[in-house]
Amino acid sequence: MKKEERLINKFTRLLTRANIPKWLHHFGPKRVTFWQLALGLLIKEVFRLSYRRAAKFLNEFYNINVHWTTLQKCRARVPLALWQELLACTIEFPIDIAAIDGTSLQRENPSAHYLKRIDRKEHTSVPVYINVMIDVLRRKFVAIRHHATKCGEVPDVQYLIDQSPQEIELVLMDKLYDSEKLHRSLREQGIYSIIPVKKNWAKGQLRKQLKDCFDYGQYWQRNLIECLFSALKRLFGNHIRGLTARTQRAEIYMRMIAYNIGAKKLETFYRAVFNEDFVETGTKGSVEKVAAWAKMRMRNCFS
C-alpha cells in the first residue's frame, strides 16, 4: 500500500484541515493526543472491533499504548460540534445535486438462539432514526440529523441545509417531504427542490409547477442515497452499540467519516442519455460535465 493511501495519513490530514487542537482538555495529564484517540475510534468502527481489541490494534500496528477505557471515555465526552466539523471537512467541492432521505439503525442485534430461549418469535426493538443529506455526484455523506425516537422529516431539512459546508444547487427528496412551505423556504435561499407531489395535494404555486413539469430523469438520481445507506450498513453493520444519544452520534458520525475518506470523488459512470451537443451517449463523463448537464435540465424545467 502506498504511503499516502494509509488510513492514518488520511485521518491526520483530515484533523489538520479541521484545525482540531492537540488536546481537548485544559487540565489534567496530557499523555494521549486527540488524534490518537480518534484514530482508535475510527479503527473500532471500520474493523468492527471491541474497545479492548481496538486498543490492542493501536498498540500492535501503530505503537500507540492506550487503555481501552480511555477510548470509551473519549467517545462519551466528544461534543457534537466536533463530529460535525470533521464530517464537513470531508466535503471539498460545491454540491450541485443533493439528496435527503431517512433510515433507521437497530439498537441491538440478538441472535436467533437468544430469541428462541426467551420465547420471542419476532425481533422487537426501538430503532434509532437518522435523516441524511448526501452529495449525489460524488457519493458522499454531507450532513446528518440523529433522533432517538420516530419524528417528522420536514423539520430536519433546514437543519441539514445549515450544516452543509458548501453551497447547494438542487435537492432531491421523496414524497414524505412534500410541503409548499418547504419549497418556498428553499427557493428563497436560491435552492431548487424536486419532490413528487402527493395525490390530491397539488396546492400552491410551486407544487403546481412541479406537477406540470416534473423531471423524472433528475428525480431518479435520488435512488443513490438508498445505495449509500445499503453500503453503509453492509460495511459497518446495521446496529449500533451506544446506549446514550452522544455515544450513538459518535458511532454514526465515525462511520460516515470513514466512508467519505475512502469514497471515490472525481470520476463517475452515468447510463443516462445526455444531450448530443453536450456529450456523446454512453461515454464516460467527469463530475463537472454531469453537473453542467444537471443544471441545464434544471433551468429548462423551472424556466
Protein backbone atom coordinates (compact mmCIF):
# COMPACT_ATOMS: atom_id res chain seq x y z
CA MET A 1 0.00 0.00 0.00
CA LYS A 2 1.29 3.45 -0.87
CA LYS A 3 2.25 5.71 2.00
CA GLU A 4 -0.29 8.42 1.13
CA GLU A 5 -3.13 5.86 0.98
CA ARG A 6 -2.74 4.63 4.54
CA LEU A 7 -5.67 5.19 6.90
CA ILE A 8 -3.60 7.04 9.48
CA ASN A 9 -2.31 9.53 6.89
CA LYS A 10 -5.81 10.23 5.54
CA PHE A 11 -7.18 10.76 9.04
CA THR A 12 -4.36 13.02 10.24
CA ARG A 13 -4.79 15.20 7.14
CA LEU A 14 -8.49 15.43 7.93
CA LEU A 15 -7.78 16.54 11.51
CA THR A 16 -5.28 19.13 10.24
CA ARG A 17 -7.87 20.50 7.81
CA ALA A 18 -10.42 20.78 10.63
CA ASN A 19 -7.97 22.66 12.93
CA ILE A 20 -8.60 20.26 15.82
CA PRO A 21 -6.40 21.03 18.88
CA LYS A 22 -3.83 18.53 20.07
CA TRP A 23 -5.67 18.01 23.36
CA LEU A 24 -9.33 18.68 24.04
CA HIS A 25 -8.89 19.21 27.81
CA HIS A 26 -7.12 22.11 29.52
CA PHE A 27 -6.42 20.47 32.87
CA GLY A 28 -5.11 17.08 33.89
CA PRO A 29 -2.32 14.92 32.43
CA LYS A 30 -1.78 15.20 28.69
CA ARG A 31 -0.50 11.75 27.83
CA VAL A 32 -2.52 10.80 24.74
CA THR A 33 -3.33 13.27 21.96
CA PHE A 34 -6.78 13.56 20.46
CA TRP A 35 -5.78 12.27 17.03
CA GLN A 36 -4.58 9.02 18.62
CA LEU A 37 -7.90 8.56 20.43
CA ALA A 38 -9.90 9.48 17.32
CA LEU A 39 -7.84 7.03 15.25
CA GLY A 40 -8.70 4.30 17.74
CA LEU A 41 -12.41 5.11 17.49
CA LEU A 42 -12.17 5.11 13.69
CA ILE A 43 -10.43 1.72 13.67
CA LYS A 44 -13.07 0.37 16.04
CA GLU A 45 -15.86 1.24 13.58
CA VAL A 46 -14.03 0.29 10.39
CA PHE A 47 -12.99 -3.19 11.56
CA ARG A 48 -15.98 -3.73 13.92
CA LEU A 49 -13.80 -4.27 16.98
CA SER A 50 -14.48 -4.02 20.68
CA TYR A 51 -12.71 -1.41 22.80
CA ARG A 52 -10.16 -3.92 24.06
CA ARG A 53 -9.33 -5.18 20.57
CA ALA A 54 -9.15 -1.62 19.20
CA ALA A 55 -6.65 -0.70 21.93
CA LYS A 56 -4.61 -3.82 21.12
CA PHE A 57 -4.76 -2.93 17.40
CA LEU A 58 -3.33 0.54 18.12
CA ASN A 59 -0.52 -0.95 20.20
CA GLU A 60 0.49 -3.61 17.68
CA PHE A 61 0.21 -1.71 14.38
CA TYR A 62 0.78 1.95 15.34
CA ASN A 63 2.79 1.59 18.59
CA ILE A 64 0.21 3.70 20.47
CA ASN A 65 -0.33 2.49 24.03
CA VAL A 66 -3.86 3.44 25.07
CA HIS A 67 -6.08 1.76 27.64
CA TRP A 68 -9.46 0.68 26.29
CA THR A 69 -11.35 2.71 28.91
CA THR A 70 -9.64 5.84 27.58
CA LEU A 71 -11.25 5.26 24.18
CA GLN A 72 -14.59 4.63 25.86
CA LYS A 73 -14.46 7.88 27.85
CA CYS A 74 -13.29 9.87 24.83
CA ARG A 75 -16.27 8.78 22.74
CA ALA A 76 -18.67 9.74 25.53
CA ARG A 77 -17.15 13.22 26.01
CA VAL A 78 -16.55 14.48 22.47
CA PRO A 79 -19.19 17.15 21.65
CA LEU A 80 -21.45 17.06 18.62
CA ALA A 81 -19.90 20.19 17.08
CA LEU A 82 -16.55 18.43 16.70
CA TRP A 83 -18.06 15.48 14.82
CA GLN A 84 -19.93 17.90 12.56
CA GLU A 85 -16.69 19.76 11.80
CA LEU A 86 -14.86 16.55 10.91
CA LEU A 87 -17.66 15.42 8.61
CA ALA A 88 -17.83 18.86 6.98
CA CYS A 89 -14.09 18.79 6.22
CA THR A 90 -14.56 15.69 4.08
CA ILE A 91 -16.65 17.78 1.63
CA GLU A 92 -14.30 19.85 -0.54
CA PHE A 93 -16.39 20.79 -3.59
CA PRO A 94 -19.71 22.62 -4.13
CA ILE A 95 -22.75 20.36 -4.08
CA ASP A 96 -24.55 20.51 -7.41
CA ILE A 97 -27.13 17.82 -6.63
CA ALA A 98 -28.02 16.75 -3.08
CA ALA A 99 -30.47 14.12 -1.87
CA ILE A 100 -32.19 13.86 1.52
CA ASP A 101 -33.76 10.75 2.99
CA GLY A 102 -34.10 8.91 6.28
CA THR A 103 -33.25 5.44 7.56
CA SER A 104 -33.03 3.57 10.84
CA LEU A 105 -30.42 1.58 12.75
CA GLN A 106 -31.02 -1.15 15.31
CA ARG A 107 -30.09 -0.59 18.94
CA GLU A 108 -29.35 -4.28 19.49
CA ASN A 109 -28.55 -7.38 17.46
CA PRO A 110 -29.77 -10.50 19.31
CA SER A 111 -29.10 -13.92 17.86
CA ALA A 112 -31.79 -16.34 16.75
CA HIS A 113 -30.83 -18.69 19.61
CA TYR A 114 -31.40 -15.93 22.17
CA LEU A 115 -34.82 -15.08 20.72
CA LYS A 116 -35.76 -18.76 20.89
CA ARG A 117 -34.68 -19.09 24.52
CA ILE A 118 -36.81 -16.13 25.61
CA ASP A 119 -39.82 -17.44 23.64
CA ARG A 120 -39.83 -14.49 21.26
CA LYS A 121 -40.94 -15.28 17.72
CA GLU A 122 -40.21 -11.86 16.22
CA HIS A 123 -37.43 -9.38 16.91
CA THR A 124 -38.83 -6.25 18.57
CA SER A 125 -36.78 -3.14 19.26
CA VAL A 126 -36.93 0.65 19.15
CA PRO A 127 -34.60 1.73 16.32
CA VAL A 128 -32.57 4.92 16.01
CA TYR A 129 -33.77 7.20 13.20
CA ILE A 130 -31.47 9.40 11.14
CA ASN A 131 -32.09 11.89 8.33
CA VAL A 132 -29.14 12.25 5.98
CA MET A 133 -28.12 14.52 3.11
CA ILE A 134 -25.63 13.25 0.51
CA ASP A 135 -23.75 14.60 -2.49
CA VAL A 136 -25.24 12.66 -5.39
CA LEU A 137 -22.42 13.18 -7.89
CA ARG A 138 -19.52 12.41 -5.54
CA ARG A 139 -21.27 9.76 -3.40
CA LYS A 140 -20.51 11.37 -0.04
CA PHE A 141 -22.41 11.98 3.18
CA VAL A 142 -22.79 15.72 3.81
CA ALA A 143 -24.91 16.16 6.95
CA ILE A 144 -26.92 14.06 9.40
CA ARG A 145 -29.66 14.54 12.00
CA HIS A 146 -29.99 11.86 14.69
CA HIS A 147 -33.19 11.03 16.59
CA ALA A 148 -33.71 8.51 19.37
CA THR A 149 -37.42 8.14 18.51
CA LYS A 150 -39.57 8.50 15.40
CA CYS A 151 -40.24 12.09 14.35
CA GLY A 152 -41.18 14.17 11.32
CA GLU A 153 -38.89 14.52 8.34
CA VAL A 154 -39.73 18.02 7.07
CA PRO A 155 -38.31 20.00 10.07
CA ASP A 156 -34.90 18.34 9.61
CA VAL A 157 -34.41 19.64 6.06
CA GLN A 158 -33.40 23.17 7.08
CA TYR A 159 -31.07 21.76 9.74
CA LEU A 160 -29.30 19.62 7.13
CA ILE A 161 -29.05 22.59 4.76
CA ASP A 162 -27.48 24.72 7.50
CA GLN A 163 -24.94 22.00 8.32
CA SER A 164 -23.76 21.76 4.71
CA PRO A 165 -20.24 23.26 4.34
CA GLN A 166 -20.75 24.01 0.63
CA GLU A 167 -23.41 25.71 -1.47
CA ILE A 168 -26.25 23.54 -2.81
CA GLU A 169 -27.86 23.93 -6.23
CA LEU A 170 -30.59 21.26 -6.20
CA VAL A 171 -32.15 18.99 -3.55
CA LEU A 172 -33.95 15.71 -4.31
CA MET A 173 -36.43 14.28 -1.77
CA ASP A 174 -39.18 11.70 -1.72
CA LYS A 175 -42.91 12.25 -1.26
CA LEU A 176 -42.72 12.38 2.56
CA TYR A 177 -41.01 15.78 2.33
CA ASP A 178 -43.68 17.33 0.09
CA SER A 179 -44.59 20.74 1.53
CA GLU A 180 -45.34 24.07 -0.13
CA LYS A 181 -43.77 25.87 2.83
CA LEU A 182 -40.57 23.85 2.41
CA HIS A 183 -40.46 24.54 -1.35
CA ARG A 184 -40.81 28.27 -0.78
CA SER A 185 -38.21 28.33 2.00
CA LEU A 186 -35.65 26.58 -0.19
CA ARG A 187 -36.44 28.78 -3.20
CA GLU A 188 -35.84 31.91 -1.09
CA GLN A 189 -32.36 30.55 -0.31
CA GLY A 190 -31.64 30.01 -4.01
CA ILE A 191 -32.02 26.21 -3.82
CA TYR A 192 -34.20 24.27 -6.25
CA SER A 193 -36.12 21.25 -4.93
CA ILE A 194 -37.65 18.28 -6.75
CA ILE A 195 -40.23 16.37 -4.68
CA PRO A 196 -43.13 14.27 -6.02
CA VAL A 197 -46.46 15.92 -5.25
CA LYS A 198 -48.83 13.94 -3.04
CA LYS A 199 -52.05 12.71 -4.59
CA ASN A 200 -54.83 15.34 -4.49
CA TRP A 201 -52.50 17.76 -2.67
CA ALA A 202 -51.28 19.96 -5.54
CA LYS A 203 -51.93 23.23 -3.69
CA GLY A 204 -49.60 26.18 -4.00
CA GLN A 205 -47.68 27.77 -6.84
CA LEU A 206 -44.50 25.70 -6.57
CA ARG A 207 -46.36 22.43 -6.11
CA LYS A 208 -48.43 23.06 -9.22
CA GLN A 209 -45.25 23.97 -11.10
CA LEU A 210 -43.67 20.65 -10.13
CA LYS A 211 -46.80 18.70 -11.04
CA ASP A 212 -46.98 20.28 -14.50
CA CYS A 213 -43.24 19.90 -15.20
CA PHE A 214 -41.73 17.06 -13.17
CA ASP A 215 -38.26 15.93 -14.25
CA TYR A 216 -38.14 12.18 -13.60
CA GLY A 217 -34.63 11.96 -15.04
CA GLN A 218 -33.34 14.18 -12.27
CA TYR A 219 -35.52 12.66 -9.56
CA TRP A 220 -34.41 9.08 -10.22
CA GLN A 221 -30.92 10.06 -9.10
CA ARG A 222 -32.36 10.17 -5.58
CA ASN A 223 -32.06 6.37 -5.54
CA LEU A 224 -28.33 6.80 -4.96
CA ILE A 225 -28.99 7.72 -1.34
CA GLU A 226 -30.55 4.27 -0.88
CA CYS A 227 -27.38 2.77 -2.35
CA LEU A 228 -25.26 4.69 0.16
CA PHE A 229 -27.47 3.52 3.04
CA SER A 230 -27.02 -0.07 1.85
CA ALA A 231 -23.25 0.35 1.54
CA LEU A 232 -23.02 1.94 5.00
CA LYS A 233 -24.92 -0.91 6.64
CA ARG A 234 -23.03 -3.63 4.76
CA LEU A 235 -19.65 -2.14 5.62
CA PHE A 236 -20.18 -1.17 9.25
CA GLY A 237 -23.22 -3.15 10.36
CA ASN A 238 -26.93 -2.46 10.77
CA HIS A 239 -26.87 -1.91 14.54
CA ILE A 240 -25.14 0.45 16.95
CA ARG A 241 -23.80 -0.35 20.41
CA GLY A 242 -24.11 3.04 22.08
CA LEU A 243 -26.76 3.45 24.78
CA THR A 244 -26.83 7.24 25.12
CA ALA A 245 -27.52 9.80 22.39
CA ARG A 246 -23.95 11.14 22.49
CA THR A 247 -22.32 7.73 22.02
CA GLN A 248 -24.79 6.83 19.28
CA ARG A 249 -23.97 10.03 17.40
CA ALA A 250 -20.25 9.30 17.76
CA GLU A 251 -20.68 5.87 16.17
CA ILE A 252 -22.80 7.17 13.29
CA TYR A 253 -20.51 10.11 12.53
CA MET A 254 -17.40 7.93 12.64
CA ARG A 255 -18.91 5.51 10.14
CA MET A 256 -19.81 8.28 7.72
CA ILE A 257 -16.40 9.94 8.10
CA ALA A 258 -14.72 6.61 7.36
CA TYR A 259 -16.93 6.13 4.30
CA ASN A 260 -16.18 9.63 2.97
CA ILE A 261 -12.43 9.16 3.43
CA GLY A 262 -12.47 6.07 1.24
CA ALA A 263 -15.00 7.35 -1.33
CA LYS A 264 -14.01 7.91 -4.96
CA LYS A 265 -14.59 11.55 -5.84
CA LEU A 266 -13.67 12.55 -9.35
CA GLU A 267 -14.94 10.11 -11.98
CA THR A 268 -18.40 8.50 -12.20
CA PHE A 269 -20.26 6.48 -14.82
CA TYR A 270 -23.73 7.55 -15.91
CA ARG A 271 -26.03 5.45 -18.08
CA ALA A 272 -28.45 8.31 -18.68
CA VAL A 273 -28.85 9.66 -22.20
CA PHE A 274 -27.16 13.06 -22.44
CA ASN A 275 -27.81 15.80 -24.93
CA GLU A 276 -25.95 15.20 -28.20
CA ASP A 277 -24.38 18.65 -28.32
CA PHE A 278 -23.17 18.21 -24.75
CA VAL A 279 -21.55 14.78 -24.54
CA GLU A 280 -21.83 11.58 -26.56
CA THR A 281 -24.25 8.93 -25.34
CA GLY A 282 -22.71 6.17 -23.24
CA THR A 283 -19.32 7.82 -22.80
CA LYS A 284 -17.56 8.38 -19.52
CA GLY A 285 -18.07 11.95 -18.24
CA SER A 286 -16.42 13.77 -15.38
CA VAL A 287 -18.33 15.14 -12.40
CA GLU A 288 -18.11 18.67 -13.81
CA LYS A 289 -19.79 17.61 -17.09
CA VAL A 290 -22.54 15.73 -15.27
CA ALA A 291 -23.14 18.74 -13.01
CA ALA A 292 -23.40 21.06 -16.01
CA TRP A 293 -25.86 18.66 -17.66
CA ALA A 294 -27.95 18.58 -14.46
CA LYS A 295 -28.01 22.39 -14.21
CA MET A 296 -29.10 22.66 -17.84
CA ARG A 297 -32.05 20.32 -17.26
CA MET A 298 -32.93 22.12 -14.03
CA ARG A 299 -33.06 25.53 -15.73
CA ASN A 300 -35.22 24.13 -18.54
CA CYS A 301 -37.63 22.66 -16.00
CA PHE A 302 -38.05 25.73 -13.79
CA SER A 303 -37.87 28.38 -16.51
